[in-house]
Amino acid sequence: MIALWALGVPFGILARTLAAQAPPPRLPPLKDKEDDPNSPKIDTKAILEANQKDIKKNVERLFQLASELKTEVEKTDSVLVLSLALLKKTEEIEKLAKDIRSRAKG
């Protein structure tokens, strides 16, 4: 009985180790949407035009915010006081710039 137990422990450890090292199950490859006749057609030209329109709108807003920020900085003595409105404006400018960059990348 002890001999069987002594033989079973190493085999159990070996089986557990091999199971832990087994490769993950393979998933079936994803089908291209172009191959599926039921998938809706994507109008890339319309998407690009809308994207360009959004970029132009955001650039105009960015320019407006930057101009307002410049005016505020010229009025404020930032050595003594850093305006909360000034910080919020810089955060909004940063957010807009990131959005423009991501849209420009595609």
N, C-alpha and C. Protein backbone atom coordinates (compact mmCIF):
# COMPACT_ATOMS: atom_id res chain seq x y z
N MET A 1 0.82 -1.19 0.00
CA MET A 1 0.00 0.00 0.00
C MET A 1 0.87 1.25 0.00
N ILE A 2 1.88 1.27 0.87
CA ILE A 2 2.78 2.42 0.93
C ILE A 2 3.58 2.52 -0.37
N ALA A 3 3.94 1.39 -0.94
CA ALA A 3 4.70 1.39 -2.19
C ALA A 3 3.87 1.99 -3.32
N LEU A 4 2.59 1.65 -3.38
CA LEU A 4 1.73 2.23 -4.41
C LEU A 4 1.58 3.73 -4.22
N TRP A 5 1.43 4.14 -2.97
CA TRP A 5 1.31 5.57 -2.69
C TRP A 5 2.60 6.30 -3.06
N ALA A 6 3.75 5.69 -2.75
CA ALA A 6 5.05 6.29 -3.06
C ALA A 6 5.23 6.43 -4.57
N LEU A 7 4.71 5.49 -5.34
CA LEU A 7 4.81 5.59 -6.79
C LEU A 7 3.80 6.59 -7.35
N GLY A 8 2.65 6.70 -6.73
CA GLY A 8 1.60 7.58 -7.23
C GLY A 8 1.90 9.05 -7.06
N VAL A 9 2.58 9.42 -5.99
CA VAL A 9 2.88 10.83 -5.72
C VAL A 9 3.75 11.44 -6.82
N PRO A 10 4.88 10.83 -7.19
CA PRO A 10 5.69 11.44 -8.25
C PRO A 10 4.94 11.52 -9.58
N PHE A 11 4.15 10.51 -9.91
CA PHE A 11 3.40 10.55 -11.16
C PHE A 11 2.32 11.63 -11.12
N GLY A 12 1.73 11.82 -9.96
CA GLY A 12 0.74 12.88 -9.81
C GLY A 12 1.36 14.25 -9.99
N ILE A 13 2.54 14.44 -9.42
CA ILE A 13 3.25 15.72 -9.56
C ILE A 13 3.65 15.93 -11.02
N LEU A 14 4.13 14.88 -11.67
CA LEU A 14 4.52 14.96 -13.08
C LEU A 14 3.31 15.30 -13.95
N ALA A 15 2.18 14.67 -13.69
CA ALA A 15 0.98 14.93 -14.48
C ALA A 15 0.51 16.37 -14.29
N ARG A 16 0.57 16.86 -13.06
CA ARG A 16 0.16 18.24 -12.78
C ARG A 16 1.08 19.23 -13.49
N THR A 17 2.39 18.96 -13.47
CA THR A 17 3.36 19.84 -14.12
C THR A 17 3.14 19.86 -15.62
N LEU A 18 2.93 18.70 -16.22
CA LEU A 18 2.70 18.64 -17.66
C LEU A 18 1.41 19.34 -18.06
N ALA A 19 0.38 19.21 -17.24
CA ALA A 19 -0.89 19.87 -17.53
C ALA A 19 -0.74 21.38 -17.45
N ALA A 20 0.09 21.86 -16.53
CA ALA A 20 0.30 23.30 -16.39
C ALA A 20 1.08 23.86 -17.57
N GLN A 21 1.88 23.02 -18.22
CA GLN A 21 2.70 23.48 -19.32
C GLN A 21 2.04 23.26 -20.67
N ALA A 22 0.84 22.72 -20.69
CA ALA A 22 0.15 22.47 -21.95
C ALA A 22 -0.16 23.79 -22.64
N PRO A 23 -0.05 23.84 -23.96
CA PRO A 23 -0.35 25.09 -24.67
C PRO A 23 -1.84 25.41 -24.57
N PRO A 24 -2.19 26.68 -24.63
CA PRO A 24 -3.60 27.05 -24.56
C PRO A 24 -4.34 26.53 -25.79
N PRO A 25 -5.63 26.29 -25.66
CA PRO A 25 -6.39 25.79 -26.82
C PRO A 25 -6.41 26.83 -27.93
N ARG A 26 -6.36 26.36 -29.15
CA ARG A 26 -6.36 27.27 -30.31
C ARG A 26 -7.79 27.67 -30.65
N LEU A 27 -7.96 28.95 -30.91
CA LEU A 27 -9.25 29.46 -31.32
C LEU A 27 -9.33 29.44 -32.84
N PRO A 28 -10.50 29.26 -33.39
CA PRO A 28 -10.61 29.29 -34.85
C PRO A 28 -10.28 30.69 -35.36
N PRO A 29 -9.69 30.80 -36.54
CA PRO A 29 -9.33 32.12 -37.06
C PRO A 29 -10.59 32.95 -37.32
N LEU A 30 -10.46 34.25 -37.09
CA LEU A 30 -11.58 35.15 -37.32
C LEU A 30 -11.76 35.36 -38.82
N LYS A 31 -13.00 35.42 -39.23
CA LYS A 31 -13.29 35.65 -40.65
C LYS A 31 -13.16 37.13 -40.95
N ASP A 32 -12.69 37.44 -42.14
CA ASP A 32 -12.66 38.82 -42.58
C ASP A 32 -14.09 39.27 -42.86
N LYS A 33 -14.37 40.51 -42.53
CA LYS A 33 -15.70 41.03 -42.81
C LYS A 33 -15.94 41.13 -44.31
N GLU A 34 -14.86 41.26 -45.08
CA GLU A 34 -15.01 41.35 -46.53
C GLU A 34 -15.52 40.04 -47.11
N ASP A 35 -15.19 38.92 -46.47
CA ASP A 35 -15.60 37.61 -46.96
C ASP A 35 -17.06 37.32 -46.66
N ASP A 36 -17.62 37.97 -45.66
CA ASP A 36 -18.99 37.69 -45.25
C ASP A 36 -19.96 38.51 -46.10
N PRO A 37 -20.80 37.85 -46.90
CA PRO A 37 -21.72 38.61 -47.75
C PRO A 37 -22.83 39.29 -46.96
N ASN A 38 -23.07 38.86 -45.72
CA ASN A 38 -24.14 39.45 -44.91
C ASN A 38 -23.70 40.70 -44.17
N SER A 39 -22.40 40.96 -44.11
CA SER A 39 -21.93 42.12 -43.36
C SER A 39 -22.24 43.40 -44.14
N PRO A 40 -22.61 44.47 -43.42
CA PRO A 40 -22.91 45.72 -44.11
C PRO A 40 -21.64 46.33 -44.70
N LYS A 41 -21.80 46.98 -45.83
CA LYS A 41 -20.67 47.63 -46.49
C LYS A 41 -20.33 48.92 -45.75
N ILE A 42 -19.06 49.14 -45.52
CA ILE A 42 -18.60 50.32 -44.81
C ILE A 42 -18.19 51.36 -45.84
N ASP A 43 -18.76 52.54 -45.71
CA ASP A 43 -18.43 53.63 -46.63
C ASP A 43 -17.24 54.38 -46.05
N THR A 44 -16.04 53.98 -46.44
CA THR A 44 -14.84 54.58 -45.87
C THR A 44 -14.70 56.05 -46.26
N LYS A 45 -15.16 56.40 -47.45
CA LYS A 45 -15.06 57.80 -47.87
C LYS A 45 -15.90 58.70 -46.95
N ALA A 46 -17.09 58.26 -46.62
CA ALA A 46 -17.96 59.05 -45.73
C ALA A 46 -17.35 59.15 -44.34
N ILE A 47 -16.75 58.05 -43.88
CA ILE A 47 -16.10 58.07 -42.57
C ILE A 47 -14.93 59.03 -42.56
N LEU A 48 -14.12 59.00 -43.61
CA LEU A 48 -12.97 59.90 -43.69
C LEU A 48 -13.40 61.36 -43.78
N GLU A 49 -14.48 61.62 -44.53
CA GLU A 49 -14.97 63.00 -44.64
C GLU A 49 -15.49 63.51 -43.29
N ALA A 50 -16.21 62.66 -42.58
CA ALA A 50 -16.71 63.05 -41.25
C ALA A 50 -15.55 63.26 -40.29
N ASN A 51 -14.55 62.41 -40.39
CA ASN A 51 -13.36 62.53 -39.55
C ASN A 51 -12.65 63.86 -39.83
N GLN A 52 -12.52 64.21 -41.11
CA GLN A 52 -11.86 65.47 -41.48
C GLN A 52 -12.66 66.67 -40.97
N LYS A 53 -13.98 66.57 -41.05
CA LYS A 53 -14.84 67.66 -40.56
C LYS A 53 -14.64 67.84 -39.05
N ASP A 54 -14.57 66.72 -38.32
CA ASP A 54 -14.35 66.78 -36.87
C ASP A 54 -12.98 67.36 -36.54
N ILE A 55 -11.98 66.99 -37.31
CA ILE A 55 -10.62 67.51 -37.09
C ILE A 55 -10.61 69.02 -37.28
N LYS A 56 -11.24 69.50 -38.36
CA LYS A 56 -11.28 70.95 -38.62
C LYS A 56 -12.00 71.69 -37.49
N LYS A 57 -13.12 71.13 -37.03
CA LYS A 57 -13.88 71.75 -35.94
C LYS A 57 -13.04 71.80 -34.67
N ASN A 58 -12.35 70.70 -34.38
CA ASN A 58 -11.52 70.64 -33.17
C ASN A 58 -10.31 71.56 -33.26
N VAL A 59 -9.74 71.71 -34.45
CA VAL A 59 -8.60 72.63 -34.61
C VAL A 59 -9.05 74.07 -34.39
N GLU A 60 -10.24 74.41 -34.89
CA GLU A 60 -10.78 75.76 -34.66
C GLU A 60 -10.98 76.00 -33.16
N ARG A 61 -11.54 75.01 -32.48
CA ARG A 61 -11.76 75.13 -31.03
C ARG A 61 -10.43 75.22 -30.29
N LEU A 62 -9.45 74.44 -30.74
CA LEU A 62 -8.12 74.47 -30.13
C LEU A 62 -7.49 75.85 -30.28
N PHE A 63 -7.62 76.42 -31.46
CA PHE A 63 -7.07 77.76 -31.70
C PHE A 63 -7.76 78.79 -30.80
N GLN A 64 -9.08 78.68 -30.67
CA GLN A 64 -9.83 79.61 -29.81
C GLN A 64 -9.37 79.48 -28.36
N LEU A 65 -9.24 78.25 -27.87
CA LEU A 65 -8.81 78.03 -26.48
C LEU A 65 -7.38 78.53 -26.26
N ALA A 66 -6.51 78.29 -27.22
CA ALA A 66 -5.13 78.75 -27.09
C ALA A 66 -5.06 80.27 -27.05
N SER A 67 -5.89 80.92 -27.85
CA SER A 67 -5.93 82.39 -27.84
C SER A 67 -6.44 82.91 -26.50
N GLU A 68 -7.50 82.26 -25.98
CA GLU A 68 -8.03 82.65 -24.67
C GLU A 68 -6.99 82.43 -23.57
N LEU A 69 -6.27 81.34 -23.66
CA LEU A 69 -5.22 81.04 -22.68
C LEU A 69 -4.12 82.09 -22.73
N LYS A 70 -3.73 82.46 -23.94
CA LYS A 70 -2.69 83.48 -24.10
C LYS A 70 -3.14 84.80 -23.47
N THR A 71 -4.38 85.19 -23.71
CA THR A 71 -4.91 86.42 -23.14
C THR A 71 -4.93 86.35 -21.62
N GLU A 72 -5.36 85.21 -21.09
CA GLU A 72 -5.41 85.04 -19.64
C GLU A 72 -4.03 85.08 -19.00
N VAL A 73 -3.07 84.46 -19.65
CA VAL A 73 -1.70 84.44 -19.12
C VAL A 73 -1.12 85.85 -19.12
N GLU A 74 -1.42 86.62 -20.15
CA GLU A 74 -0.92 88.00 -20.21
C GLU A 74 -1.54 88.86 -19.11
N LYS A 75 -2.78 88.58 -18.72
CA LYS A 75 -3.45 89.36 -17.68
C LYS A 75 -3.03 88.94 -16.27
N THR A 76 -2.65 87.68 -16.10
CA THR A 76 -2.41 87.11 -14.77
C THR A 76 -0.93 87.11 -14.44
N ASP A 77 -0.62 87.44 -13.19
CA ASP A 77 0.75 87.31 -12.70
C ASP A 77 0.89 85.89 -12.16
N SER A 78 1.37 84.98 -13.00
CA SER A 78 1.41 83.57 -12.63
C SER A 78 2.49 83.25 -11.60
N VAL A 79 3.35 84.22 -11.29
CA VAL A 79 4.35 84.00 -10.24
C VAL A 79 3.65 83.97 -8.88
N LEU A 80 2.65 84.82 -8.71
CA LEU A 80 1.95 84.90 -7.44
C LEU A 80 0.77 83.93 -7.35
N VAL A 81 -0.03 83.87 -8.43
CA VAL A 81 -1.25 83.08 -8.40
C VAL A 81 -1.37 82.31 -9.71
N LEU A 82 -1.72 81.02 -9.60
CA LEU A 82 -1.99 80.22 -10.78
C LEU A 82 -3.49 79.95 -10.80
N SER A 83 -4.16 80.54 -11.75
CA SER A 83 -5.61 80.50 -11.82
C SER A 83 -6.12 79.09 -12.09
N LEU A 84 -7.21 78.73 -11.42
CA LEU A 84 -7.84 77.44 -11.65
C LEU A 84 -8.43 77.38 -13.06
N ALA A 85 -8.97 78.49 -13.50
CA ALA A 85 -9.52 78.56 -14.86
C ALA A 85 -8.41 78.34 -15.89
N LEU A 86 -7.23 78.85 -15.58
CA LEU A 86 -6.08 78.66 -16.47
C LEU A 86 -5.71 77.18 -16.57
N LEU A 87 -5.70 76.50 -15.44
CA LEU A 87 -5.39 75.07 -15.44
C LEU A 87 -6.45 74.26 -16.19
N LYS A 88 -7.72 74.60 -15.99
CA LYS A 88 -8.79 73.89 -16.68
C LYS A 88 -8.69 74.10 -18.19
N LYS A 89 -8.34 75.29 -18.59
CA LYS A 89 -8.20 75.59 -20.02
C LYS A 89 -7.06 74.78 -20.63
N THR A 90 -5.95 74.66 -19.90
CA THR A 90 -4.83 73.87 -20.42
C THR A 90 -5.21 72.39 -20.52
N GLU A 91 -6.00 71.89 -19.57
CA GLU A 91 -6.45 70.50 -19.64
C GLU A 91 -7.37 70.28 -20.84
N GLU A 92 -8.24 71.25 -21.10
CA GLU A 92 -9.14 71.13 -22.25
C GLU A 92 -8.35 71.18 -23.56
N ILE A 93 -7.33 72.04 -23.60
CA ILE A 93 -6.47 72.13 -24.79
C ILE A 93 -5.76 70.80 -25.01
N GLU A 94 -5.24 70.23 -23.93
CA GLU A 94 -4.53 68.95 -24.04
C GLU A 94 -5.47 67.85 -24.53
N LYS A 95 -6.69 67.82 -24.01
CA LYS A 95 -7.66 66.81 -24.42
C LYS A 95 -8.00 66.96 -25.91
N LEU A 96 -8.21 68.19 -26.35
CA LEU A 96 -8.51 68.44 -27.76
C LEU A 96 -7.34 68.04 -28.65
N ALA A 97 -6.13 68.37 -28.23
CA ALA A 97 -4.95 68.03 -29.03
C ALA A 97 -4.81 66.51 -29.16
N LYS A 98 -5.07 65.78 -28.09
CA LYS A 98 -5.00 64.31 -28.15
C LYS A 98 -6.06 63.75 -29.08
N ASP A 99 -7.26 64.34 -29.04
CA ASP A 99 -8.33 63.88 -29.92
C ASP A 99 -7.97 64.13 -31.38
N ILE A 100 -7.42 65.30 -31.66
CA ILE A 100 -7.01 65.62 -33.03
C ILE A 100 -5.93 64.65 -33.49
N ARG A 101 -4.97 64.38 -32.63
CA ARG A 101 -3.88 63.45 -32.99
C ARG A 101 -4.43 62.05 -33.28
N SER A 102 -5.34 61.57 -32.43
CA SER A 102 -5.87 60.22 -32.65
C SER A 102 -6.70 60.14 -33.92
N ARG A 103 -7.45 61.19 -34.24
CA ARG A 103 -8.23 61.20 -35.48
C ARG A 103 -7.33 61.31 -36.70
N ALA A 104 -6.24 62.05 -36.57
CA ALA A 104 -5.32 62.19 -37.70
C ALA A 104 -4.60 60.87 -37.99
N LYS A 105 -4.34 60.09 -36.95
CA LYS A 105 -3.69 58.79 -37.15
C LYS A 105 -4.63 57.80 -37.82
N GLY A 106 -5.92 57.99 -37.60
CA GLY A 106 -6.88 57.09 -38.25
C GLY A 106 -7.48 56.14 -37.38
